[in-house]
Amino acid sequence: MCRIYGYGEDALTLWALKHKTSQILESFQDQTAPSNCLIFYRPSFGRHSKKGSAVFGEFDSIVVSLESIYLIESKWDNLSRFDKNEITIRPEQRLRHRILSWYITHWNKKYSNNWESFIKEQTEDFQNEFPEKKIAPNNTLLATNLQFILTALQKHCKFTSEQNIKNVLLFFYNKNRSTPPPKKTKGFKLISIDYDQEITGNFIVLE
């Protein structure tokens, strides 16, 4: 079997999804077994979220248990913006969490394979909530991706309300050179994962 090495936040995120999902679940007292989770790695809803556009960015991952939906941002201790005291979620990142939470809570199985109907019924509410954005147009790649993910989330999770949606900040650190930050962005659950024992040089072993 070949050996696969990865470097940086993306590789650490994939490694954590493969080996540390239980730590995420335990942080929320979620009783779901990791093997029963549905996981999206780096799901994209458009890379450049501009004013007036429908796209709203790329999550590092989404973990869906039987109980909750975890929207995840990842940071690591080699980040240039990390001042060892506080790690922050940028405004555009916070916005994408709000937007996807809106889609999740407004999506209903009656809209399956009918994004046009969803638009007709929900556009006004979306524009009231996000006046500087627009809802995903029908017959676009964004709408297709959203419909696929929203349908999968609804089938997998016993979703009842927005309380089932959790905003997560995964912070990867090497205990030999850093510690988890004492401050973080309000509204996000900070989960710190030490990767000290898992690296070879500066690379993490994925397989």
Protein backbone atom coordinates (compact mmCIF):
# COMPACT_ATOMS: atom_id res chain seq x y z
CA MET A 1 0.00 0.00 0.00
CA CYS A 2 1.32 3.45 -0.88
CA ARG A 3 1.98 6.04 1.83
CA ILE A 4 0.15 9.37 1.46
CA TYR A 5 1.44 12.52 3.18
CA GLY A 6 -0.39 15.83 3.45
CA TYR A 7 0.52 19.31 4.62
CA GLY A 8 -1.44 22.20 6.11
CA GLU A 9 -5.03 22.83 7.15
CA ASP A 10 -6.66 20.79 4.39
CA ALA A 11 -4.61 17.69 5.15
CA LEU A 12 -5.14 18.07 8.89
CA THR A 13 -8.88 18.41 8.33
CA LEU A 14 -9.02 15.22 6.25
CA TRP A 15 -6.91 13.39 8.85
CA ALA A 16 -9.26 14.56 11.63
CA LEU A 17 -12.33 13.43 9.70
CA LYS A 18 -10.77 9.99 9.29
CA HIS A 19 -9.47 9.57 12.84
CA LYS A 20 -10.92 12.22 15.20
CA THR A 21 -14.62 12.43 14.36
CA SER A 22 -15.37 10.86 17.74
CA GLN A 23 -13.73 13.85 19.46
CA ILE A 24 -16.07 16.24 17.63
CA LEU A 25 -19.12 14.20 18.60
CA GLU A 26 -18.03 13.83 22.23
CA SER A 27 -17.58 17.60 22.52
CA PHE A 28 -21.33 17.93 21.99
CA GLN A 29 -22.28 14.77 23.89
CA ASP A 30 -23.54 13.35 20.61
CA GLN A 31 -24.21 9.62 20.98
CA THR A 32 -23.85 8.84 17.26
CA ALA A 33 -21.08 6.40 16.35
CA PRO A 34 -18.54 7.91 13.90
CA SER A 35 -19.30 5.06 11.49
CA ASN A 36 -22.90 6.30 11.32
CA CYS A 37 -21.94 9.84 10.31
CA LEU A 38 -22.26 11.36 6.87
CA ILE A 39 -19.26 13.56 6.05
CA PHE A 40 -18.65 16.13 3.33
CA TYR A 41 -15.03 17.17 2.85
CA ARG A 42 -14.54 20.73 1.60
CA PRO A 43 -18.05 21.16 0.13
CA SER A 44 -18.02 24.25 -2.05
CA PHE A 45 -20.82 26.73 -2.61
CA GLY A 46 -18.74 28.98 -4.84
CA ARG A 47 -15.23 30.23 -4.13
CA HIS A 48 -15.68 34.00 -4.34
CA SER A 49 -18.56 35.34 -2.30
CA LYS A 50 -19.25 38.83 -3.65
CA LYS A 51 -21.94 41.33 -2.79
CA GLY A 52 -25.05 40.64 -4.86
CA SER A 53 -23.99 37.10 -5.75
CA ALA A 54 -25.53 33.78 -4.75
CA VAL A 55 -22.28 31.99 -3.92
CA PHE A 56 -21.19 31.98 -0.29
CA GLY A 57 -17.94 30.10 0.02
CA GLU A 58 -16.42 26.78 0.92
CA PHE A 59 -16.63 24.94 4.24
CA ASP A 60 -13.70 22.87 5.40
CA SER A 61 -16.15 20.09 6.18
CA ILE A 62 -19.67 19.22 7.24
CA VAL A 63 -20.24 16.32 9.62
CA VAL A 64 -23.78 14.99 9.85
CA SER A 65 -24.62 12.73 12.77
CA LEU A 66 -27.99 11.20 13.55
CA GLU A 67 -28.57 14.07 15.99
CA SER A 68 -26.92 17.21 14.63
CA ILE A 69 -25.26 18.94 11.70
CA TYR A 70 -21.75 20.30 12.30
CA LEU A 71 -20.56 23.11 10.02
CA ILE A 72 -16.80 23.17 10.34
CA GLU A 73 -14.03 25.71 9.83
CA SER A 74 -10.43 24.60 10.34
CA LYS A 75 -7.41 26.60 11.50
CA TRP A 76 -3.92 25.57 12.54
CA ASP A 77 -1.12 26.98 14.63
CA ASN A 78 0.98 27.85 11.58
CA LEU A 79 -1.64 30.37 10.45
CA SER A 80 -0.08 33.80 9.94
CA ARG A 81 -3.10 35.53 11.52
CA PHE A 82 -2.89 33.47 14.71
CA ASP A 83 -1.40 35.66 17.46
CA LYS A 84 -1.38 32.83 20.06
CA ASN A 85 -4.10 34.57 22.03
CA GLU A 86 -7.12 34.61 19.75
CA ILE A 87 -8.30 32.82 16.64
CA THR A 88 -11.05 34.54 14.69
CA ILE A 89 -13.60 33.58 12.08
CA ARG A 90 -13.70 36.18 9.31
CA PRO A 91 -17.00 37.98 8.53
CA GLU A 92 -17.43 36.17 5.21
CA GLN A 93 -16.96 32.85 7.00
CA ARG A 94 -19.56 33.72 9.63
CA LEU A 95 -21.91 34.76 6.81
CA ARG A 96 -21.63 31.42 5.04
CA HIS A 97 -22.57 29.62 8.24
CA ARG A 98 -25.66 31.81 8.54
CA ILE A 99 -26.60 31.28 4.89
CA LEU A 100 -26.27 27.49 4.93
CA SER A 101 -28.17 27.35 8.23
CA TRP A 102 -30.95 29.29 6.52
CA TYR A 103 -31.03 26.84 3.60
CA ILE A 104 -31.10 23.86 5.97
CA THR A 105 -33.96 25.21 8.06
CA HIS A 106 -36.04 26.28 5.04
CA TRP A 107 -35.52 23.18 2.94
CA ASN A 108 -38.28 20.59 2.88
CA LYS A 109 -38.54 17.24 1.14
CA LYS A 110 -41.50 18.59 -0.84
CA TYR A 111 -38.96 20.62 -2.86
CA SER A 112 -36.92 17.59 -3.95
CA ASN A 113 -36.06 17.85 -7.64
CA ASN A 114 -37.93 21.15 -7.82
CA TRP A 115 -35.57 23.99 -6.97
CA GLU A 116 -37.77 26.39 -8.92
CA SER A 117 -40.61 25.81 -6.46
CA PHE A 118 -38.23 26.42 -3.55
CA ILE A 119 -37.17 29.74 -5.07
CA LYS A 120 -40.74 30.89 -5.61
CA GLU A 121 -41.72 30.21 -2.01
CA GLN A 122 -38.54 31.21 -0.19
CA THR A 123 -36.88 34.08 -2.10
CA GLU A 124 -38.63 36.84 -0.17
CA ASP A 125 -37.57 35.40 3.17
CA PHE A 126 -34.00 34.93 1.93
CA GLN A 127 -33.73 38.52 0.70
CA ASN A 128 -35.10 39.85 3.99
CA GLU A 129 -32.45 37.89 5.86
CA PHE A 130 -29.56 38.53 3.43
CA PRO A 131 -30.28 41.75 1.49
CA GLU A 132 -26.78 41.86 -0.02
CA LYS A 133 -26.96 38.31 -1.39
CA LYS A 134 -29.35 36.43 -3.67
CA ILE A 135 -30.82 32.96 -3.53
CA ALA A 136 -29.23 30.30 -5.73
CA PRO A 137 -30.78 30.57 -9.21
CA ASN A 138 -32.49 27.58 -10.77
CA ASN A 139 -30.47 25.33 -13.12
CA THR A 140 -27.09 26.42 -11.72
CA LEU A 141 -24.25 24.33 -10.33
CA LEU A 142 -24.75 26.03 -6.95
CA ALA A 143 -28.43 25.07 -6.85
CA THR A 144 -27.61 21.49 -7.86
CA ASN A 145 -24.96 21.15 -5.15
CA LEU A 146 -27.23 22.67 -2.52
CA GLN A 147 -30.14 20.41 -3.41
CA PHE A 148 -27.95 17.31 -3.21
CA ILE A 149 -26.45 18.24 0.17
CA LEU A 150 -29.70 19.49 1.71
CA THR A 151 -31.52 16.32 0.70
CA ALA A 152 -28.71 14.15 2.10
CA LEU A 153 -28.70 16.07 5.39
CA GLN A 154 -32.43 15.72 5.81
CA LYS A 155 -32.38 11.98 5.12
CA HIS A 156 -29.52 11.32 7.53
CA CYS A 157 -30.18 13.59 10.52
CA LYS A 158 -33.19 13.65 12.84
CA PHE A 159 -33.36 17.37 12.25
CA THR A 160 -35.90 19.33 14.29
CA SER A 161 -34.74 22.96 14.45
CA GLU A 162 -31.81 25.35 14.11
CA GLN A 163 -30.64 24.06 17.49
CA ASN A 164 -29.45 20.96 15.66
CA ILE A 165 -26.97 23.04 13.63
CA LYS A 166 -23.60 23.50 15.33
CA ASN A 167 -20.85 25.90 14.27
CA VAL A 168 -17.45 24.35 14.90
CA LEU A 169 -13.91 25.70 14.82
CA LEU A 170 -11.33 22.91 14.64
CA PHE A 171 -7.96 24.19 15.83
CA PHE A 172 -4.95 22.01 15.07
CA TYR A 173 -1.88 22.56 17.21
CA ASN A 174 1.48 20.99 17.97
CA LYS A 175 1.90 20.96 21.74
CA ASN A 176 5.67 21.39 21.35
CA ARG A 177 5.28 24.86 19.91
CA SER A 178 1.79 26.18 20.67
CA THR A 179 -1.33 25.90 22.79
CA PRO A 180 -5.03 26.33 21.96
CA PRO A 181 -6.07 30.01 21.96
CA PRO A 182 -7.96 31.24 25.04
CA LYS A 183 -10.23 33.40 22.85
CA LYS A 184 -12.32 32.51 19.82
CA THR A 185 -15.22 33.88 17.81
CA LYS A 186 -18.56 33.93 19.62
CA GLY A 187 -21.06 31.38 18.37
CA PHE A 188 -18.44 28.77 17.45
CA LYS A 189 -17.46 25.74 19.50
CA LEU A 190 -13.66 25.50 19.69
CA ILE A 191 -12.36 21.94 19.45
CA SER A 192 -8.58 21.69 19.75
CA ILE A 193 -6.73 18.70 18.30
CA ASP A 194 -3.05 18.02 18.97
CA TYR A 195 -1.25 16.60 15.93
CA ASP A 196 2.21 16.34 17.53
CA GLN A 197 2.29 12.53 17.54
CA GLU A 198 0.93 12.21 14.01
CA ILE A 199 3.43 14.12 11.89
CA THR A 200 6.58 13.08 10.09
CA GLY A 201 8.66 16.20 9.58
CA ASN A 202 5.92 18.76 8.98
CA PHE A 203 3.65 16.33 7.15
CA ILE A 204 0.69 14.32 8.42
CA VAL A 205 0.24 10.73 7.33
CA LEU A 206 -3.16 10.29 5.66
CA GLU A 207 -2.78 6.67 4.58
